[in-house]
C-alpha atoms as a PDB file:
ATOM      1  CA  GLN A   1       3.479  18.405   4.361  1.00  0.00           C
ATOM      2  CA  VAL A   2       1.865  15.006   4.643  1.00  0.00           C
ATOM      3  CA  GLN A   3       2.317  12.325   7.254  1.00  0.00           C
ATOM      4  CA  LEU A   4       1.346   8.736   6.548  1.00  0.00           C
ATOM      5  CA  LEU A   5       0.579   5.986   9.027  1.00  0.00           C
ATOM      6  CA  GLU A   6       0.067   2.381   8.017  1.00  0.00           C
ATOM      7  CA  SER A   7      -1.877  -0.146  10.026  1.00  0.00           C
ATOM      8  CA  GLY A   8      -3.451  -3.548   9.641  1.00  0.00           C
ATOM      9  CA  GLY A   9      -0.422  -5.734   9.232  1.00  0.00           C
ATOM     10  CA  GLY A  10      -0.023  -8.968  11.077  1.00  0.00           C
ATOM     11  CA  LEU A  11       0.461 -12.694  10.865  1.00  0.00           C
ATOM     12  CA  VAL A  12      -1.807 -14.765   8.666  1.00  0.00           C
ATOM     13  CA  GLN A  13      -1.775 -18.248   7.201  1.00  0.00           C
ATOM     14  CA  ALA A  14      -1.349 -18.794   3.498  1.00  0.00           C
ATOM     15  CA  GLY A  15      -4.678 -18.299   1.788  1.00  0.00           C
ATOM     16  CA  GLY A  16      -5.848 -15.808   4.355  1.00  0.00           C
ATOM     17  CA  SER A  17      -6.618 -12.129   4.064  1.00  0.00           C
ATOM     18  CA  LEU A  18      -5.559  -8.841   5.554  1.00  0.00           C
ATOM     19  CA  ARG A  19      -6.575  -5.272   4.943  1.00  0.00           C
ATOM     20  CA  LEU A  20      -3.964  -2.589   5.285  1.00  0.00           C
ATOM     21  CA  SER A  21      -4.890   1.011   5.914  1.00  0.00           C
ATOM     22  CA  CYS A  22      -2.881   4.153   5.371  1.00  0.00           C
ATOM     23  CA  ALA A  23      -4.108   7.328   6.992  1.00  0.00           C
ATOM     24  CA  ALA A  24      -2.804  10.618   5.671  1.00  0.00           C
ATOM     25  CA  SER A  25      -2.639  13.746   7.758  1.00  0.00           C
ATOM     26  CA  GLY A  26      -0.989  17.126   7.607  1.00  0.00           C
ATOM     27  CA  HIS A  27      -1.435  20.830   7.799  1.00  0.00           C
ATOM     28  CA  THR A  28      -3.062  21.113   4.404  1.00  0.00           C
ATOM     29  CA  PRO A  29      -6.028  19.004   3.357  1.00  0.00           C
ATOM     30  CA  ILE A  30      -4.943  17.681  -0.007  1.00  0.00           C
ATOM     31  CA  SER A  31      -5.486  14.460  -1.875  1.00  0.00           C
ATOM     32  CA  TYR A  32      -2.568  12.651  -3.470  1.00  0.00           C
ATOM     33  CA  THR A  33      -2.005   9.739  -5.706  1.00  0.00           C
ATOM     34  CA  MET A  34      -1.359   6.870  -3.329  1.00  0.00           C
ATOM     35  CA  GLY A  35       0.758   3.791  -3.678  1.00  0.00           C
ATOM     36  CA  TRP A  36       1.766   0.699  -1.788  1.00  0.00           C
ATOM     37  CA  PHE A  37       5.260  -0.747  -1.857  1.00  0.00           C
ATOM     38  CA  ARG A  38       6.773  -3.652  -0.013  1.00  0.00           C
ATOM     39  CA  ARG A  39      10.180  -4.862   1.006  1.00  0.00           C
ATOM     40  CA  ALA A  40      10.684  -8.552   1.552  1.00  0.00           C
ATOM     41  CA  PRO A  41      13.682  -9.890   3.467  1.00  0.00           C
ATOM     42  CA  GLY A  42      16.758  -9.708   1.296  1.00  0.00           C
ATOM     43  CA  LYS A  43      14.978  -7.880  -1.507  1.00  0.00           C
ATOM     44  CA  ASP A  44      14.637  -4.336  -2.749  1.00  0.00           C
ATOM     45  CA  ARG A  45      11.566  -2.259  -2.231  1.00  0.00           C
ATOM     46  CA  GLU A  46       8.953  -3.357  -4.747  1.00  0.00           C
ATOM     47  CA  PHE A  47       5.927  -1.640  -6.201  1.00  0.00           C
ATOM     48  CA  VAL A  48       2.648  -3.298  -5.251  1.00  0.00           C
ATOM     49  CA  ALA A  49      -0.258  -1.054  -6.224  1.00  0.00           C
ATOM     50  CA  ALA A  50      -1.246   2.532  -6.867  1.00  0.00           C
ATOM     51  CA  ILE A  51      -4.463   4.462  -7.141  1.00  0.00           C
ATOM     52  CA  SER A  52      -5.216   7.771  -8.804  1.00  0.00           C
ATOM     53  CA  LEU A  53      -6.461  10.894  -7.095  1.00  0.00           C
ATOM     54  CA  THR A  54     -10.125  10.073  -7.581  1.00  0.00           C
ATOM     55  CA  GLY A  55      -9.744   6.320  -7.403  1.00  0.00           C
ATOM     56  CA  GLY A  56     -10.724   5.822 -11.009  1.00  0.00           C
ATOM     57  CA  ASN A  57      -7.451   4.267 -12.083  1.00  0.00           C
ATOM     58  CA  THR A  58      -5.447   1.565 -10.382  1.00  0.00           C
ATOM     59  CA  GLU A  59      -2.221  -0.258 -11.119  1.00  0.00           C
ATOM     60  CA  TYR A  60      -0.901  -3.513  -9.716  1.00  0.00           C
ATOM     61  CA  THR A  61       2.240  -5.485 -10.004  1.00  0.00           C
ATOM     62  CA  ASP A  62       1.623  -8.746 -11.823  1.00  0.00           C
ATOM     63  CA  SER A  63       2.217 -10.941  -8.815  1.00  0.00           C
ATOM     64  CA  VAL A  64      -0.747  -9.495  -6.904  1.00  0.00           C
ATOM     65  CA  LYS A  65      -3.274  -8.988  -9.685  1.00  0.00           C
ATOM     66  CA  GLY A  66      -6.529 -10.703  -8.867  1.00  0.00           C
ATOM     67  CA  ARG A  67      -5.596 -11.029  -5.218  1.00  0.00           C
ATOM     68  CA  PHE A  68      -5.015  -7.485  -3.976  1.00  0.00           C
ATOM     69  CA  THR A  69      -7.308  -4.502  -4.302  1.00  0.00           C
ATOM     70  CA  ILE A  70      -6.324  -0.916  -3.657  1.00  0.00           C
ATOM     71  CA  SER A  71      -9.001   1.602  -2.792  1.00  0.00           C
ATOM     72  CA  ARG A  72      -9.289   4.992  -1.179  1.00  0.00           C
ATOM     73  CA  ASP A  73     -11.689   7.056   0.843  1.00  0.00           C
ATOM     74  CA  ASN A  74     -10.802  10.676   0.229  1.00  0.00           C
ATOM     75  CA  ALA A  75     -13.209  11.901   2.882  1.00  0.00           C
ATOM     76  CA  LYS A  76     -11.099  10.027   5.419  1.00  0.00           C
ATOM     77  CA  ASN A  77      -7.783  10.676   3.673  1.00  0.00           C
ATOM     78  CA  THR A  78      -7.200   6.960   3.789  1.00  0.00           C
ATOM     79  CA  VAL A  79      -6.044   4.379   1.293  1.00  0.00           C
ATOM     80  CA  TYR A  80      -6.562   0.654   1.718  1.00  0.00           C
ATOM     81  CA  LEU A  81      -4.962  -2.469   0.417  1.00  0.00           C
ATOM     82  CA  GLN A  82      -7.186  -5.512   0.626  1.00  0.00           C
ATOM     83  CA  MET A  83      -4.995  -8.583   0.360  1.00  0.00           C
ATOM     84  CA  ASN A  84      -6.641 -11.918  -0.321  1.00  0.00           C
ATOM     85  CA  SER A  85      -5.246 -15.361  -1.021  1.00  0.00           C
ATOM     86  CA  LEU A  86      -2.033 -14.401   0.664  1.00  0.00           C
ATOM     87  CA  LYS A  87       1.095 -16.353  -0.087  1.00  0.00           C
ATOM     88  CA  PRO A  88       4.318 -16.724   1.869  1.00  0.00           C
ATOM     89  CA  ASP A  89       6.013 -14.682  -0.862  1.00  0.00           C
ATOM     90  CA  ASP A  90       3.835 -11.750   0.169  1.00  0.00           C
ATOM     91  CA  THR A  91       5.691 -11.562   3.468  1.00  0.00           C
ATOM     92  CA  ALA A  92       7.214  -8.105   3.650  1.00  0.00           C
ATOM     93  CA  VAL A  93       7.066  -4.728   5.257  1.00  0.00           C
ATOM     94  CA  TYR A  94       4.395  -2.801   3.410  1.00  0.00           C
ATOM     95  CA  TYR A  95       4.814   0.928   2.922  1.00  0.00           C
ATOM     96  CA  CYS A  96       2.282   3.528   2.000  1.00  0.00           C
ATOM     97  CA  ALA A  97       3.385   6.406  -0.212  1.00  0.00           C
ATOM     98  CA  ALA A  98       1.815   9.619  -1.463  1.00  0.00           C
ATOM     99  CA  GLY A  99       2.703  11.707  -4.473  1.00  0.00           C
ATOM    100  CA  LEU A 100       1.393  14.214  -6.942  1.00  0.00           C
ATOM    101  CA  ILE A 101       1.473  11.787  -9.841  1.00  0.00           C
ATOM    102  CA  MET A 102       0.719   8.130 -10.314  1.00  0.00           C
ATOM    103  CA  ALA A 103       4.024   6.315 -10.456  1.00  0.00           C
ATOM    104  CA  LEU A 104       5.308   2.765 -10.313  1.00  0.00           C
ATOM    105  CA  ILE A 105       8.698   3.593  -8.843  1.00  0.00           C
ATOM    106  CA  PRO A 106       9.579   4.874  -5.385  1.00  0.00           C
ATOM    107  CA  GLN A 107      11.079   8.062  -6.811  1.00  0.00           C
ATOM    108  CA  GLY A 108       7.628   9.085  -7.953  1.00  0.00           C
ATOM    109  CA  TYR A 109       6.413   9.599  -4.407  1.00  0.00           C
ATOM    110  CA  ASP A 110       7.037  12.424  -1.985  1.00  0.00           C
ATOM    111  CA  TYR A 111       5.876  11.038   1.352  1.00  0.00           C
ATOM    112  CA  TRP A 112       6.249   7.667   3.003  1.00  0.00           C
ATOM    113  CA  GLY A 113       4.943   5.873   6.009  1.00  0.00           C
ATOM    114  CA  ARG A 114       7.055   3.819   8.366  1.00  0.00           C
ATOM    115  CA  GLY A 115       5.654   0.533   7.162  1.00  0.00           C
ATOM    116  CA  THR A 116       3.632  -2.305   8.602  1.00  0.00           C
ATOM    117  CA  GLN A 117       4.760  -5.909   8.779  1.00  0.00           C
ATOM    118  CA  VAL A 118       2.825  -8.589   6.945  1.00  0.00           C
ATOM    119  CA  THR A 119       3.867 -12.160   7.613  1.00  0.00           C
ATOM    120  CA  VAL A 120       2.282 -15.065   5.776  1.00  0.00           C
ATOM    121  CA  SER A 121       3.000 -18.490   7.153  1.00  0.00           C
ATOM    122  CA  SER A 122       3.049 -21.658   5.086  1.00  0.00           C
END
């Protein structure tokens, strides 16, 4: 079983940056494919980015390409989401997810964090 804990959210002006972290813990030391999703007010949960087990492959939703970077440090069981050039439309609760396969839909993931709020002011 895996537990996920997001951190790093906050309030930032448009054009600013934040780095989200997701620390994974559990009884068994195992690496998963990791993903980030977000839920904006009044919207469904949306895929943001994912990274493969070794970090060699990444996927991004079109709206964040060139601005967000997902990375992972397997020694720390942590995945990061570096968010640059933030826009008000990026305002959402960001969720970390872990799964056995790389997926672009929530159903592809087995474990979820509670989320961290990112608010981008205009």
